């Protein structure tokens, strides 16, 4: 065999081809086989109690991630509820300024009072339509006295801040005690994507937990990984031979 003869002569074999592949690639395959075979040694060094503790830790982390995911979803729900109520009372819009200079801001902020009577109660708010309309009428009656009459834009901004405070108070008065506590955090944590990410993290930790517990049970057997050890021996022999010829 040309590869064996070349290697025996002390020459480099990495550029020789066998079945259309250079020996360089066979050498890399051999190193990969040696790595897999080395897992048998790693498994022998593992302590079942330590592996089980990894599983316990993974379980706790999975539970924390799942709780965080639920919290984020609830915060996002309350954030959407606040936005829905705000949209029924007063809205804010932003548009690009047609001419942007150092003296003009890049965005034009506009505020609009919603004078139309609400036709429905936002989803998630447990009040009657009459109660919701009454709150709208009270708020519309308060707005004319809010703000600076000499500066229309500043007046609208102050009215919007007033609406935000009143909406916040209205929601607190009509939400459960549990939702009231989450409402204060909804602006910071109200992210559906964050909730989905934490759900994925929870699944990954749960998977690690299953693997760790399965490995711990296997290690506690009389001859754990007995078949794998024979396979590892074969992989070690083949990998060493291929790597040796490719060097």
Protein backbone atom coordinates (compact mmCIF):
# COMPACT_ATOMS: atom_id res chain seq x y z
CA UNK A 1 0.00 0.00 0.00
CA UNK A 2 1.47 3.33 -1.07
CA UNK A 3 0.41 5.18 2.11
CA UNK A 4 2.02 2.59 4.38
CA UNK A 5 5.19 2.51 2.27
CA UNK A 6 5.46 6.30 2.23
CA UNK A 7 4.89 6.48 5.98
CA UNK A 8 7.45 3.73 6.60
CA UNK A 9 10.00 5.70 4.61
CA UNK A 10 9.48 8.64 6.97
CA UNK A 11 7.81 10.87 4.37
CA UNK A 12 4.72 13.06 4.79
CA UNK A 13 1.48 11.27 3.82
CA UNK A 14 -1.07 14.08 4.31
CA UNK A 15 -1.18 14.88 0.56
CA UNK A 16 -1.69 11.28 -0.57
CA UNK A 17 -5.19 10.29 -1.67
CA UNK A 18 -7.13 7.16 -0.70
CA UNK A 19 -10.53 6.59 -2.36
CA UNK A 20 -10.49 10.21 -3.56
CA UNK A 21 -9.79 11.72 -0.14
CA UNK A 22 -6.49 13.13 1.09
CA UNK A 23 -4.93 11.45 4.12
CA UNK A 24 -5.15 14.84 5.86
CA UNK A 25 -8.92 14.34 6.16
CA UNK A 26 -8.51 10.75 7.29
CA UNK A 27 -6.21 12.03 10.03
CA UNK A 28 -8.85 14.45 11.22
CA UNK A 29 -11.41 11.63 11.29
CA UNK A 30 -8.95 9.58 13.32
CA UNK A 31 -8.56 12.39 15.86
CA UNK A 32 -12.36 12.64 16.14
CA UNK A 33 -12.58 8.89 16.81
CA UNK A 34 -9.92 9.22 19.51
CA UNK A 35 -11.94 11.99 21.12
CA UNK A 36 -15.09 9.86 21.19
CA UNK A 37 -13.11 6.93 22.58
CA UNK A 38 -11.80 9.20 25.33
CA UNK A 39 -15.35 9.64 26.61
CA UNK A 40 -15.09 6.18 28.13
CA UNK A 41 -12.34 7.48 30.41
CA UNK A 42 -14.40 10.54 31.30
CA UNK A 43 -17.40 8.38 32.23
CA UNK A 44 -15.18 6.32 34.54
CA UNK A 45 -14.14 9.48 36.36
CA UNK A 46 -17.71 10.69 36.90
CA UNK A 47 -19.25 10.28 40.33
CA UNK A 48 -22.97 9.33 40.25
CA UNK A 49 -23.73 11.67 43.18
CA UNK A 50 -22.05 14.58 41.42
CA UNK A 51 -23.94 13.91 38.19
CA UNK A 52 -27.21 13.69 40.15
CA UNK A 53 -26.45 17.04 41.78
CA UNK A 54 -26.05 18.49 38.26
CA UNK A 55 -29.53 17.22 37.50
CA UNK A 56 -30.93 18.79 40.67
CA UNK A 57 -29.31 22.12 39.83
CA UNK A 58 -30.66 21.96 36.27
CA UNK A 59 -34.15 21.28 37.61
CA UNK A 60 -34.01 24.37 39.84
CA UNK A 61 -32.77 26.53 36.97
CA UNK A 62 -35.48 25.20 34.67
CA UNK A 63 -38.14 26.06 37.26
CA UNK A 64 -36.73 29.58 37.72
CA UNK A 65 -36.62 30.15 33.97
CA UNK A 66 -40.21 28.92 33.61
CA UNK A 67 -41.37 31.22 36.43
CA UNK A 68 -39.57 34.11 34.77
CA UNK A 69 -41.23 33.26 31.46
CA UNK A 70 -44.67 33.34 33.06
CA UNK A 71 -43.86 36.65 34.75
CA UNK A 72 -42.78 38.20 31.45
CA UNK A 73 -45.95 37.02 29.69
CA UNK A 74 -48.14 38.45 32.46
CA UNK A 75 -46.20 41.72 32.40
CA UNK A 76 -46.64 41.91 28.62
CA UNK A 77 -50.39 41.29 29.03
CA UNK A 78 -50.70 44.16 31.53
CA UNK A 79 -48.58 46.42 29.34
CA UNK A 80 -50.92 45.78 26.39
CA UNK A 81 -53.91 46.47 28.64
CA UNK A 82 -52.47 49.81 29.71
CA UNK A 83 -51.79 50.75 26.08
CA UNK A 84 -55.36 49.83 25.08
CA UNK A 85 -56.88 52.03 27.80
CA UNK A 86 -54.51 54.89 26.92
CA UNK A 87 -55.48 54.63 23.25
CA UNK A 88 -59.15 55.05 24.22
CA UNK A 89 -58.38 58.28 26.13
CA UNK A 90 -55.50 60.05 24.42
CA UNK A 91 -53.02 59.01 21.77
CA UNK A 92 -49.47 60.00 20.90
CA UNK A 93 -48.06 59.95 17.38
CA UNK A 94 -44.58 60.55 16.00
CA UNK A 95 -43.59 61.54 12.49
CA UNK A 96 -40.28 62.40 10.87
CA UNK A 97 -39.61 66.12 10.55
CA UNK A 98 -39.51 67.13 6.84
CA UNK A 99 -36.39 69.26 7.39
CA UNK A 100 -33.96 68.15 10.05
CA UNK A 101 -31.48 70.78 11.24
CA UNK A 102 -29.59 71.49 14.43
CA UNK A 103 -32.49 73.66 15.57
CA UNK A 104 -35.27 71.18 14.79
CA UNK A 105 -35.77 67.73 16.32
CA UNK A 106 -35.78 64.71 13.98
CA UNK A 107 -39.26 63.68 15.16
CA UNK A 108 -42.52 65.60 15.54
CA UNK A 109 -44.56 64.42 18.52
CA UNK A 110 -48.32 64.90 18.36
CA UNK A 111 -50.94 64.34 21.04
CA UNK A 112 -54.61 63.75 20.35
CA UNK A 113 -57.50 63.66 22.84
CA UNK A 114 -59.98 60.89 22.02
CA UNK A 115 -63.35 62.52 22.57
CA UNK A 116 -65.37 59.63 21.11
CA UNK A 117 -67.11 57.48 23.72
CA UNK A 118 -65.53 54.02 24.03
CA UNK A 119 -67.55 51.27 22.33
CA UNK A 120 -66.08 48.37 24.29
CA UNK A 121 -63.99 47.51 27.33
CA UNK A 122 -60.43 46.36 26.54
CA UNK A 123 -59.79 42.65 26.93
CA UNK A 124 -58.50 41.79 30.39
CA UNK A 125 -60.23 44.67 32.20
CA UNK A 126 -63.06 43.39 34.40
CA UNK A 127 -65.39 46.43 34.46
CA UNK A 128 -68.72 47.19 32.85
CA UNK A 129 -68.94 49.35 29.76
CA UNK A 130 -70.85 51.99 31.76
CA UNK A 131 -68.03 52.18 34.32
CA UNK A 132 -65.47 52.48 31.56
CA UNK A 133 -67.45 55.23 29.79
CA UNK A 134 -67.87 57.08 33.10
CA UNK A 135 -64.10 57.07 33.57
CA UNK A 136 -63.69 58.44 30.03
CA UNK A 137 -66.18 61.28 30.70
CA UNK A 138 -64.46 62.21 33.97
CA UNK A 139 -61.08 62.29 32.27
CA UNK A 140 -62.32 64.39 29.36
CA UNK A 141 -63.72 66.86 31.90
CA UNK A 142 -60.39 67.14 33.67
CA UNK A 143 -58.17 67.70 30.63
CA UNK A 144 -59.13 71.29 29.68
CA UNK A 145 -57.73 72.57 32.99
CA UNK A 146 -54.42 70.76 32.59
CA UNK A 147 -51.37 72.25 30.90
CA UNK A 148 -49.90 75.60 29.95
CA UNK A 149 -52.26 77.71 27.83
CA UNK A 150 -49.32 79.73 26.43
CA UNK A 151 -47.67 76.66 24.93
CA UNK A 152 -50.09 74.27 23.14
CA UNK A 153 -47.47 71.54 22.69
CA UNK A 154 -46.45 71.66 26.32
CA UNK A 155 -50.11 71.69 27.33
CA UNK A 156 -50.78 68.53 25.32
CA UNK A 157 -47.73 66.86 26.83
CA UNK A 158 -48.88 67.66 30.37
CA UNK A 159 -52.38 66.40 29.57
CA UNK A 160 -50.91 63.16 28.29
CA UNK A 161 -48.93 62.71 31.51
CA UNK A 162 -52.12 63.34 33.47
CA UNK A 163 -53.95 60.71 31.43
CA UNK A 164 -51.18 58.21 32.11
CA UNK A 165 -51.42 58.73 35.86
CA UNK A 166 -55.23 58.48 35.85
CA UNK A 167 -55.18 55.34 33.68
CA UNK A 168 -52.61 53.76 36.00
CA UNK A 169 -54.80 54.54 39.03
CA UNK A 170 -57.91 53.26 37.26
CA UNK A 171 -56.23 49.96 36.43
CA UNK A 172 -54.92 49.52 39.97
CA UNK A 173 -58.44 50.01 41.33
CA UNK A 174 -59.91 47.36 39.02
CA UNK A 175 -57.21 44.69 38.92
CA UNK A 176 -56.58 41.81 41.27
CA UNK A 177 -53.97 42.28 44.00
CA UNK A 178 -51.62 39.96 42.13
CA UNK A 179 -51.94 41.95 38.88
CA UNK A 180 -51.53 45.23 40.76
CA UNK A 181 -48.05 44.18 41.85
CA UNK A 182 -47.13 43.16 38.30
CA UNK A 183 -48.52 46.34 36.76
CA UNK A 184 -45.70 48.44 38.22
CA UNK A 185 -43.15 46.16 36.53
CA UNK A 186 -45.00 45.75 33.25
CA UNK A 187 -43.25 48.67 31.54
CA UNK A 188 -39.84 47.17 32.27
CA UNK A 189 -40.59 43.47 31.87
CA UNK A 190 -43.49 43.49 29.42
CA UNK A 191 -41.74 41.68 26.62
CA UNK A 192 -43.33 38.69 24.89
CA UNK A 193 -40.03 37.82 23.21
CA UNK A 194 -38.28 37.72 26.59
CA UNK A 195 -40.95 35.34 27.85
CA UNK A 196 -40.45 33.07 24.84
CA UNK A 197 -36.68 33.11 25.33
CA UNK A 198 -36.99 32.13 28.97
CA UNK A 199 -39.30 29.30 27.93
CA UNK A 200 -36.60 27.97 25.60
CA UNK A 201 -34.05 28.27 28.40
CA UNK A 202 -36.37 26.31 30.68
CA UNK A 203 -36.70 23.52 28.11
CA UNK A 204 -32.91 23.34 27.67
CA UNK A 205 -32.31 23.08 31.42
CA UNK A 206 -35.02 20.40 31.63
CA UNK A 207 -33.26 18.45 28.87
CA UNK A 208 -29.94 18.72 30.73
CA UNK A 209 -31.69 17.48 33.87
CA UNK A 210 -33.03 14.38 32.07
CA UNK A 211 -29.60 13.62 30.61
CA UNK A 212 -27.89 14.07 33.99
CA UNK A 213 -30.34 11.83 35.84
CA UNK A 214 -30.15 9.16 33.12
CA UNK A 215 -26.37 9.26 33.27
CA UNK A 216 -26.41 9.01 37.08
CA UNK A 217 -28.66 5.94 36.96
CA UNK A 218 -26.40 4.31 34.37
CA UNK A 219 -23.26 4.99 36.41
CA UNK A 220 -24.80 3.27 39.44
CA UNK A 221 -25.09 -0.05 37.60
CA UNK A 222 -22.64 -2.91 38.18
CA UNK A 223 -20.99 -2.52 34.75
CA UNK A 224 -21.98 0.88 33.40
CA UNK A 225 -21.26 1.54 29.72
CA UNK A 226 -19.92 -2.00 29.32
CA UNK A 227 -20.82 -2.17 25.61
CA UNK A 228 -19.66 1.38 25.04
CA UNK A 229 -16.25 0.52 26.50
CA UNK A 230 -15.76 -2.19 23.85
CA UNK A 231 -16.92 0.22 21.17
CA UNK A 232 -14.55 2.87 22.55
CA UNK A 233 -11.70 0.34 22.40
CA UNK A 234 -12.45 -0.28 18.71
CA UNK A 235 -12.68 3.44 18.00
CA UNK A 236 -9.39 4.02 19.79
CA UNK A 237 -7.64 1.34 17.75
CA UNK A 238 -9.02 2.53 14.39
CA UNK A 239 -8.57 6.21 15.19
CA UNK A 240 -4.99 5.73 16.36
CA UNK A 241 -4.08 3.78 13.24
CA UNK A 242 -5.63 6.30 10.84
CA UNK A 243 -4.12 9.25 12.68
CA UNK A 244 -0.73 7.58 12.74
CA UNK A 245 -0.73 6.92 8.98
CA UNK A 246 -1.89 10.46 8.24
CA UNK A 247 0.88 12.07 10.28
